[in-house]
Amino acid sequence: MKKFIVDYIHIIAMTLTGLLFGLSFFLLFLNFYHVKEVSYSYTPSESSSITYEKMLSRINTIQNNASVYNQSNYQGSEDAYEMLGIQSKLNNCVKKYQEENLKKLFSKKSYLAKDVFELLNYYQNNILNGCVVLQMYNLVDTDQSTYKSDQLKKVAPFLKLEIDSLLNNGLSYVRSNLKNNDIYYFSNDDSKNTVFELTRDSYQEVLSNYTKTLDFLETFSTWYKDIVLGG
């Protein structure tokens, strides 16, 4: 009787071991296909992308606009320290676009879903938070701003609308889709297209936000240049 019980337990243990081994192999097999799925890349065309060189050209314009202010010989009507403060904010934003990490991200010929996710992370952490929020927002927030420039107060409501639009960009939805890009089934044309379209659409949406922020900074820097030279 004892031998029968031992043999019975042994059979159950071996059965469970076999089932666990089979399940582990099945999951490993599915993940192998999942790795293949998320490796499908999107190659932007010239019309749907912006090279780092083109972006850098616009950044140079912003930097040149900011550089027109020289504290040692400024004789305009605006407060010199306020003009210096705005110049500093623009230069800090420029630095966010000049970092090597961003250059590498924009220098890619093709983008995987994880590459687009990195591009999104950089935008939200460095451009949106590091530049728009930390540097620019207090210039246009009339409740918190310490700037007393009448010229700035005139354009502040319009600039605030632009900033609010940048902050309400809907990229949380893009982030969620990229993070949940888990396709655990066998490779087929539909799954390939799903990953390709997700990567393409997410890339274009993130790129659009980089461009909109550049538009805002370039417009603001042009206003700043005009105030310094004409004020």
C-alpha atoms as a PDB file:
ATOM      1  CA  MET A   1       0.000   0.000   0.000  1.00  0.00           C
ATOM      2  CA  LYS A   2       2.823   2.388   0.919  1.00  0.00           C
ATOM      3  CA  LYS A   3       4.637   1.631  -2.354  1.00  0.00           C
ATOM      4  CA  PHE A   4       1.411   2.282  -4.283  1.00  0.00           C
ATOM      5  CA  ILE A   5       0.971   5.701  -2.626  1.00  0.00           C
ATOM      6  CA  VAL A   6       4.615   6.620  -3.289  1.00  0.00           C
ATOM      7  CA  ASP A   7       4.311   5.580  -6.936  1.00  0.00           C
ATOM      8  CA  TYR A   8       1.038   7.503  -7.243  1.00  0.00           C
ATOM      9  CA  ILE A   9       2.587  10.690  -5.808  1.00  0.00           C
ATOM     10  CA  HIS A  10       5.580  10.232  -8.101  1.00  0.00           C
ATOM     11  CA  ILE A  11       3.279   9.985 -11.149  1.00  0.00           C
ATOM     12  CA  ILE A  12       1.409  13.156 -10.128  1.00  0.00           C
ATOM     13  CA  ALA A  13       4.688  15.017  -9.554  1.00  0.00           C
ATOM     14  CA  MET A  14       6.041  13.965 -12.939  1.00  0.00           C
ATOM     15  CA  THR A  15       2.754  14.979 -14.601  1.00  0.00           C
ATOM     16  CA  LEU A  16       2.833  18.415 -12.970  1.00  0.00           C
ATOM     17  CA  THR A  17       6.495  18.827 -13.940  1.00  0.00           C
ATOM     18  CA  GLY A  18       5.645  17.967 -17.533  1.00  0.00           C
ATOM     19  CA  LEU A  19       2.747  20.419 -17.597  1.00  0.00           C
ATOM     20  CA  LEU A  20       4.891  23.210 -16.133  1.00  0.00           C
ATOM     21  CA  PHE A  21       7.667  22.472 -18.617  1.00  0.00           C
ATOM     22  CA  GLY A  22       5.163  22.527 -21.480  1.00  0.00           C
ATOM     23  CA  LEU A  23       3.644  25.800 -20.304  1.00  0.00           C
ATOM     24  CA  SER A  24       7.091  27.401 -19.906  1.00  0.00           C
ATOM     25  CA  PHE A  25       8.100  26.292 -23.385  1.00  0.00           C
ATOM     26  CA  PHE A  26       4.808  27.616 -24.805  1.00  0.00           C
ATOM     27  CA  LEU A  27       5.275  31.036 -23.180  1.00  0.00           C
ATOM     28  CA  LEU A  28       8.898  31.174 -24.344  1.00  0.00           C
ATOM     29  CA  PHE A  29       7.770  30.308 -27.857  1.00  0.00           C
ATOM     30  CA  LEU A  30       5.114  33.031 -27.836  1.00  0.00           C
ATOM     31  CA  ASN A  31       7.563  35.624 -26.509  1.00  0.00           C
ATOM     32  CA  PHE A  32       9.965  34.713 -29.294  1.00  0.00           C
ATOM     33  CA  TYR A  33       7.266  35.672 -31.777  1.00  0.00           C
ATOM     34  CA  HIS A  34       6.449  38.771 -29.764  1.00  0.00           C
ATOM     35  CA  VAL A  35      10.068  39.918 -30.078  1.00  0.00           C
ATOM     36  CA  LYS A  36       9.747  39.475 -33.827  1.00  0.00           C
ATOM     37  CA  GLU A  37       6.511  41.469 -33.850  1.00  0.00           C
ATOM     38  CA  VAL A  38       7.871  44.535 -32.063  1.00  0.00           C
ATOM     39  CA  SER A  39      11.000  44.502 -34.206  1.00  0.00           C
ATOM     40  CA  TYR A  40       9.112  45.654 -37.301  1.00  0.00           C
ATOM     41  CA  SER A  41      10.349  49.153 -37.996  1.00  0.00           C
ATOM     42  CA  TYR A  42       9.023  52.293 -39.647  1.00  0.00           C
ATOM     43  CA  THR A  43      11.223  54.261 -42.036  1.00  0.00           C
ATOM     44  CA  PRO A  44      10.013  57.869 -42.336  1.00  0.00           C
ATOM     45  CA  SER A  45       9.961  59.470 -45.761  1.00  0.00           C
ATOM     46  CA  GLU A  46      11.493  62.892 -46.271  1.00  0.00           C
ATOM     47  CA  SER A  47       8.039  64.447 -46.366  1.00  0.00           C
ATOM     48  CA  SER A  48       6.981  62.886 -43.048  1.00  0.00           C
ATOM     49  CA  SER A  49      10.136  63.477 -41.012  1.00  0.00           C
ATOM     50  CA  ILE A  50      12.392  66.246 -39.816  1.00  0.00           C
ATOM     51  CA  THR A  51      16.123  65.718 -39.799  1.00  0.00           C
ATOM     52  CA  TYR A  52      18.179  66.821 -36.842  1.00  0.00           C
ATOM     53  CA  GLU A  53      20.016  69.240 -39.143  1.00  0.00           C
ATOM     54  CA  LYS A  54      16.740  70.967 -40.073  1.00  0.00           C
ATOM     55  CA  MET A  55      15.757  71.118 -36.427  1.00  0.00           C
ATOM     56  CA  LEU A  56      19.169  72.477 -35.485  1.00  0.00           C
ATOM     57  CA  SER A  57      18.807  75.199 -38.109  1.00  0.00           C
ATOM     58  CA  ARG A  58      15.664  76.433 -36.388  1.00  0.00           C
ATOM     59  CA  ILE A  59      17.360  76.159 -32.994  1.00  0.00           C
ATOM     60  CA  ASN A  60      20.192  78.321 -34.302  1.00  0.00           C
ATOM     61  CA  THR A  61      17.603  80.922 -35.347  1.00  0.00           C
ATOM     62  CA  ILE A  62      16.179  80.953 -31.824  1.00  0.00           C
ATOM     63  CA  GLN A  63      19.659  81.212 -30.342  1.00  0.00           C
ATOM     64  CA  ASN A  64      20.582  84.075 -32.673  1.00  0.00           C
ATOM     65  CA  ASN A  65      17.377  85.923 -31.796  1.00  0.00           C
ATOM     66  CA  ALA A  66      18.187  85.566 -28.100  1.00  0.00           C
ATOM     67  CA  SER A  67      21.769  86.733 -28.586  1.00  0.00           C
ATOM     68  CA  VAL A  68      20.782  90.232 -29.799  1.00  0.00           C
ATOM     69  CA  TYR A  69      20.520  91.317 -26.173  1.00  0.00           C
ATOM     70  CA  ASN A  70      23.784  92.553 -24.674  1.00  0.00           C
ATOM     71  CA  GLN A  71      23.503  93.728 -21.101  1.00  0.00           C
ATOM     72  CA  SER A  72      26.579  95.952 -21.323  1.00  0.00           C
ATOM     73  CA  ASN A  73      25.198  98.198 -24.081  1.00  0.00           C
ATOM     74  CA  TYR A  74      21.425  97.753 -23.883  1.00  0.00           C
ATOM     75  CA  GLN A  75      19.635 101.112 -23.942  1.00  0.00           C
ATOM     76  CA  GLY A  76      16.062 100.047 -24.563  1.00  0.00           C
ATOM     77  CA  SER A  77      13.006 100.943 -22.500  1.00  0.00           C
ATOM     78  CA  GLU A  78      12.438  97.428 -21.104  1.00  0.00           C
ATOM     79  CA  ASP A  79      13.950  96.405 -17.782  1.00  0.00           C
ATOM     80  CA  ALA A  80      17.488  95.145 -18.460  1.00  0.00           C
ATOM     81  CA  TYR A  81      17.312  92.341 -15.908  1.00  0.00           C
ATOM     82  CA  GLU A  82      14.012  91.115 -17.297  1.00  0.00           C
ATOM     83  CA  MET A  83      15.493  91.030 -20.794  1.00  0.00           C
ATOM     84  CA  LEU A  84      18.459  89.109 -19.408  1.00  0.00           C
ATOM     85  CA  GLY A  85      16.095  86.673 -17.707  1.00  0.00           C
ATOM     86  CA  ILE A  86      14.189  85.984 -20.918  1.00  0.00           C
ATOM     87  CA  GLN A  87      17.449  85.501 -22.796  1.00  0.00           C
ATOM     88  CA  SER A  88      18.550  82.964 -20.202  1.00  0.00           C
ATOM     89  CA  LYS A  89      15.264  81.053 -20.517  1.00  0.00           C
ATOM     90  CA  LEU A  90      15.536  80.861 -24.287  1.00  0.00           C
ATOM     91  CA  ASN A  91      19.130  79.664 -24.071  1.00  0.00           C
ATOM     92  CA  ASN A  92      18.158  76.987 -21.557  1.00  0.00           C
ATOM     93  CA  CYS A  93      15.491  75.749 -23.967  1.00  0.00           C
ATOM     94  CA  VAL A  94      17.987  75.729 -26.815  1.00  0.00           C
ATOM     95  CA  LYS A  95      20.308  73.480 -24.787  1.00  0.00           C
ATOM     96  CA  LYS A  96      17.553  70.871 -24.486  1.00  0.00           C
ATOM     97  CA  TYR A  97      17.515  70.523 -28.276  1.00  0.00           C
ATOM     98  CA  GLN A  98      21.287  70.396 -28.568  1.00  0.00           C
ATOM     99  CA  GLU A  99      21.912  67.387 -26.332  1.00  0.00           C
ATOM    100  CA  GLU A 100      23.623  64.390 -27.879  1.00  0.00           C
ATOM    101  CA  ASN A 101      20.848  61.986 -26.851  1.00  0.00           C
ATOM    102  CA  LEU A 102      18.309  63.841 -28.968  1.00  0.00           C
ATOM    103  CA  LYS A 103      20.695  64.008 -31.919  1.00  0.00           C
ATOM    104  CA  LYS A 104      21.089  60.218 -31.803  1.00  0.00           C
ATOM    105  CA  LEU A 105      17.333  59.678 -31.652  1.00  0.00           C
ATOM    106  CA  PHE A 106      16.696  61.897 -34.658  1.00  0.00           C
ATOM    107  CA  SER A 107      19.618  60.451 -36.608  1.00  0.00           C
ATOM    108  CA  LYS A 108      17.978  57.037 -36.939  1.00  0.00           C
ATOM    109  CA  LYS A 109      16.951  55.920 -40.403  1.00  0.00           C
ATOM    110  CA  SER A 110      14.288  53.538 -39.103  1.00  0.00           C
ATOM    111  CA  TYR A 111      12.308  53.483 -35.858  1.00  0.00           C
ATOM    112  CA  LEU A 112      11.168  50.590 -33.730  1.00  0.00           C
ATOM    113  CA  ALA A 113       8.332  51.072 -31.258  1.00  0.00           C
ATOM    114  CA  LYS A 114      10.895  51.350 -28.443  1.00  0.00           C
ATOM    115  CA  ASP A 115      12.745  54.110 -30.346  1.00  0.00           C
ATOM    116  CA  VAL A 116       9.550  56.146 -30.643  1.00  0.00           C
ATOM    117  CA  PHE A 117       8.945  55.587 -26.924  1.00  0.00           C
ATOM    118  CA  GLU A 118      12.417  57.012 -26.171  1.00  0.00           C
ATOM    119  CA  LEU A 119      11.697  59.979 -28.452  1.00  0.00           C
ATOM    120  CA  LEU A 120       8.441  60.556 -26.572  1.00  0.00           C
ATOM    121  CA  ASN A 121      10.169  60.304 -23.181  1.00  0.00           C
ATOM    122  CA  TYR A 122      12.793  62.852 -24.186  1.00  0.00           C
ATOM    123  CA  TYR A 123      10.150  65.278 -25.397  1.00  0.00           C
ATOM    124  CA  GLN A 124       8.041  65.063 -22.252  1.00  0.00           C
ATOM    125  CA  ASN A 125      10.932  65.119 -19.774  1.00  0.00           C
ATOM    126  CA  ASN A 126      13.275  67.613 -21.418  1.00  0.00           C
ATOM    127  CA  ILE A 127      11.366  69.727 -23.940  1.00  0.00           C
ATOM    128  CA  LEU A 128       7.906  69.937 -22.413  1.00  0.00           C
ATOM    129  CA  ASN A 129       8.823  69.878 -18.717  1.00  0.00           C
ATOM    130  CA  GLY A 130      12.407  71.142 -18.849  1.00  0.00           C
ATOM    131  CA  CYS A 131      11.742  73.978 -21.289  1.00  0.00           C
ATOM    132  CA  VAL A 132       8.064  74.881 -21.686  1.00  0.00           C
ATOM    133  CA  VAL A 133       7.028  74.383 -18.052  1.00  0.00           C
ATOM    134  CA  LEU A 134      10.160  75.267 -16.096  1.00  0.00           C
ATOM    135  CA  GLN A 135      11.458  78.050 -18.330  1.00  0.00           C
ATOM    136  CA  MET A 136       8.583  79.635 -20.216  1.00  0.00           C
ATOM    137  CA  TYR A 137       5.388  79.179 -18.263  1.00  0.00           C
ATOM    138  CA  ASN A 138       6.039  81.722 -15.522  1.00  0.00           C
ATOM    139  CA  LEU A 139       6.562  84.392 -18.189  1.00  0.00           C
ATOM    140  CA  VAL A 140       2.939  84.140 -19.270  1.00  0.00           C
ATOM    141  CA  ASP A 141       1.238  83.098 -16.047  1.00  0.00           C
ATOM    142  CA  THR A 142      -0.074  86.454 -14.839  1.00  0.00           C
ATOM    143  CA  ASP A 143      -0.828  85.040 -11.376  1.00  0.00           C
ATOM    144  CA  GLN A 144       2.764  83.957 -10.720  1.00  0.00           C
ATOM    145  CA  SER A 145       4.956  85.990 -13.049  1.00  0.00           C
ATOM    146  CA  THR A 146       7.372  88.488 -11.511  1.00  0.00           C
ATOM    147  CA  TYR A 147       7.967  90.144 -14.893  1.00  0.00           C
ATOM    148  CA  LYS A 148       6.514  93.637 -15.142  1.00  0.00           C
ATOM    149  CA  SER A 149       7.138  94.304 -18.835  1.00  0.00           C
ATOM    150  CA  ASP A 150       4.105  95.949 -20.438  1.00  0.00           C
ATOM    151  CA  GLN A 151       5.074  94.472 -23.793  1.00  0.00           C
ATOM    152  CA  LEU A 152       5.181  90.982 -22.300  1.00  0.00           C
ATOM    153  CA  LYS A 153       1.822  91.487 -20.591  1.00  0.00           C
ATOM    154  CA  LYS A 154       0.254  92.367 -23.947  1.00  0.00           C
ATOM    155  CA  VAL A 155       1.255  89.091 -25.580  1.00  0.00           C
ATOM    156  CA  ALA A 156       1.071  86.900 -22.452  1.00  0.00           C
ATOM    157  CA  PRO A 157      -2.559  85.750 -22.993  1.00  0.00           C
ATOM    158  CA  PHE A 158      -1.769  84.583 -26.535  1.00  0.00           C
ATOM    159  CA  LEU A 159       1.444  82.891 -25.453  1.00  0.00           C
ATOM    160  CA  LYS A 160      -0.402  81.159 -22.626  1.00  0.00           C
ATOM    161  CA  LEU A 161      -2.910  79.748 -25.105  1.00  0.00           C
ATOM    162  CA  GLU A 162      -0.028  78.319 -27.113  1.00  0.00           C
ATOM    163  CA  ILE A 163       1.602  76.816 -24.027  1.00  0.00           C
ATOM    164  CA  ASP A 164      -1.669  75.329 -22.790  1.00  0.00           C
ATOM    165  CA  SER A 165      -2.107  73.743 -26.210  1.00  0.00           C
ATOM    166  CA  LEU A 166       1.371  72.208 -25.948  1.00  0.00           C
ATOM    167  CA  LEU A 167       0.619  70.879 -22.469  1.00  0.00           C
ATOM    168  CA  ASN A 168      -2.698  69.349 -23.566  1.00  0.00           C
ATOM    169  CA  ASN A 169      -1.097  67.409 -26.381  1.00  0.00           C
ATOM    170  CA  GLY A 170      -2.700  63.980 -25.927  1.00  0.00           C
ATOM    171  CA  LEU A 171       0.650  62.215 -25.774  1.00  0.00           C
ATOM    172  CA  SER A 172      -0.487  60.227 -22.730  1.00  0.00           C
ATOM    173  CA  TYR A 173      -2.641  58.218 -25.135  1.00  0.00           C
ATOM    174  CA  VAL A 174       0.359  57.599 -27.394  1.00  0.00           C
ATOM    175  CA  ARG A 175       2.483  56.577 -24.405  1.00  0.00           C
ATOM    176  CA  SER A 176      -0.181  54.142 -23.232  1.00  0.00           C
ATOM    177  CA  ASN A 177      -0.436  52.512 -26.658  1.00  0.00           C
ATOM    178  CA  LEU A 178       3.328  52.127 -26.943  1.00  0.00           C
ATOM    179  CA  LYS A 179       3.655  50.683 -23.425  1.00  0.00           C
ATOM    180  CA  ASN A 180       0.827  48.208 -24.072  1.00  0.00           C
ATOM    181  CA  ASN A 181       2.296  47.037 -27.348  1.00  0.00           C
ATOM    182  CA  ASP A 182       2.097  43.365 -26.306  1.00  0.00           C
ATOM    183  CA  ILE A 183       1.038  41.013 -29.064  1.00  0.00           C
ATOM    184  CA  TYR A 184       1.267  37.419 -27.848  1.00  0.00           C
ATOM    185  CA  TYR A 185       0.235  35.406 -30.891  1.00  0.00           C
ATOM    186  CA  PHE A 186       1.810  33.990 -33.975  1.00  0.00           C
ATOM    187  CA  SER A 187       3.263  36.278 -36.614  1.00  0.00           C
ATOM    188  CA  ASN A 188       0.951  37.131 -39.495  1.00  0.00           C
ATOM    189  CA  ASP A 189       0.299  40.038 -41.840  1.00  0.00           C
ATOM    190  CA  ASP A 190      -2.306  41.598 -39.546  1.00  0.00           C
ATOM    191  CA  SER A 191      -0.009  41.645 -36.518  1.00  0.00           C
ATOM    192  CA  LYS A 192       2.838  43.039 -38.610  1.00  0.00           C
ATOM    193  CA  ASN A 193       0.603  45.832 -39.878  1.00  0.00           C
ATOM    194  CA  THR A 194      -0.622  46.590 -36.358  1.00  0.00           C
ATOM    195  CA  VAL A 195       2.915  47.127 -35.055  1.00  0.00           C
ATOM    196  CA  PHE A 196       3.973  49.049 -38.158  1.00  0.00           C
ATOM    197  CA  GLU A 197       0.952  51.386 -37.991  1.00  0.00           C
ATOM    198  CA  LEU A 198       1.374  51.945 -34.246  1.00  0.00           C
ATOM    199  CA  THR A 199       5.046  52.840 -34.722  1.00  0.00           C
ATOM    200  CA  ARG A 200       4.329  55.099 -37.708  1.00  0.00           C
ATOM    201  CA  ASP A 201       1.375  56.934 -36.163  1.00  0.00           C
ATOM    202  CA  SER A 202       3.126  57.380 -32.809  1.00  0.00           C
ATOM    203  CA  TYR A 203       6.277  58.692 -34.499  1.00  0.00           C
ATOM    204  CA  GLN A 204       4.311  61.245 -36.499  1.00  0.00           C
ATOM    205  CA  GLU A 205       2.364  62.401 -33.443  1.00  0.00           C
ATOM    206  CA  VAL A 206       5.517  62.816 -31.338  1.00  0.00           C
ATOM    207  CA  LEU A 207       7.287  64.575 -34.204  1.00  0.00           C
ATOM    208  CA  SER A 208       4.347  66.954 -34.531  1.00  0.00           C
ATOM    209  CA  ASN A 209       4.792  68.011 -30.911  1.00  0.00           C
ATOM    210  CA  TYR A 210       8.516  68.638 -31.350  1.00  0.00           C
ATOM    211  CA  THR A 211       7.650  70.856 -34.324  1.00  0.00           C
ATOM    212  CA  LYS A 212       4.884  72.738 -32.494  1.00  0.00           C
ATOM    213  CA  THR A 213       7.226  73.521 -29.616  1.00  0.00           C
ATOM    214  CA  LEU A 214       9.844  74.785 -32.051  1.00  0.00           C
ATOM    215  CA  ASP A 215       7.181  76.972 -33.680  1.00  0.00           C
ATOM    216  CA  PHE A 216       6.332  78.469 -30.300  1.00  0.00           C
ATOM    217  CA  LEU A 217       9.957  79.093 -29.316  1.00  0.00           C
ATOM    218  CA  GLU A 218      10.852  80.600 -32.681  1.00  0.00           C
ATOM    219  CA  THR A 219       7.833  82.927 -32.597  1.00  0.00           C
ATOM    220  CA  PHE A 220       8.608  83.980 -29.039  1.00  0.00           C
ATOM    221  CA  SER A 221      12.307  84.533 -29.784  1.00  0.00           C
ATOM    222  CA  THR A 222      11.377  86.712 -32.785  1.00  0.00           C
ATOM    223  CA  TRP A 223       9.144  88.817 -30.521  1.00  0.00           C
ATOM    224  CA  TYR A 224      12.002  89.057 -28.032  1.00  0.00           C
ATOM    225  CA  LYS A 225      14.441  90.167 -30.725  1.00  0.00           C
ATOM    226  CA  ASP A 226      12.044  92.868 -31.939  1.00  0.00           C
ATOM    227  CA  ILE A 227      11.529  94.161 -28.370  1.00  0.00           C
ATOM    228  CA  VAL A 228      15.262  94.306 -27.680  1.00  0.00           C
ATOM    229  CA  LEU A 229      16.119  96.053 -30.934  1.00  0.00           C
ATOM    230  CA  GLY A 230      13.140  98.335 -30.977  1.00  0.00           C
ATOM    231  CA  GLY A 231      12.543  98.845 -27.283  1.00  0.00           C
END
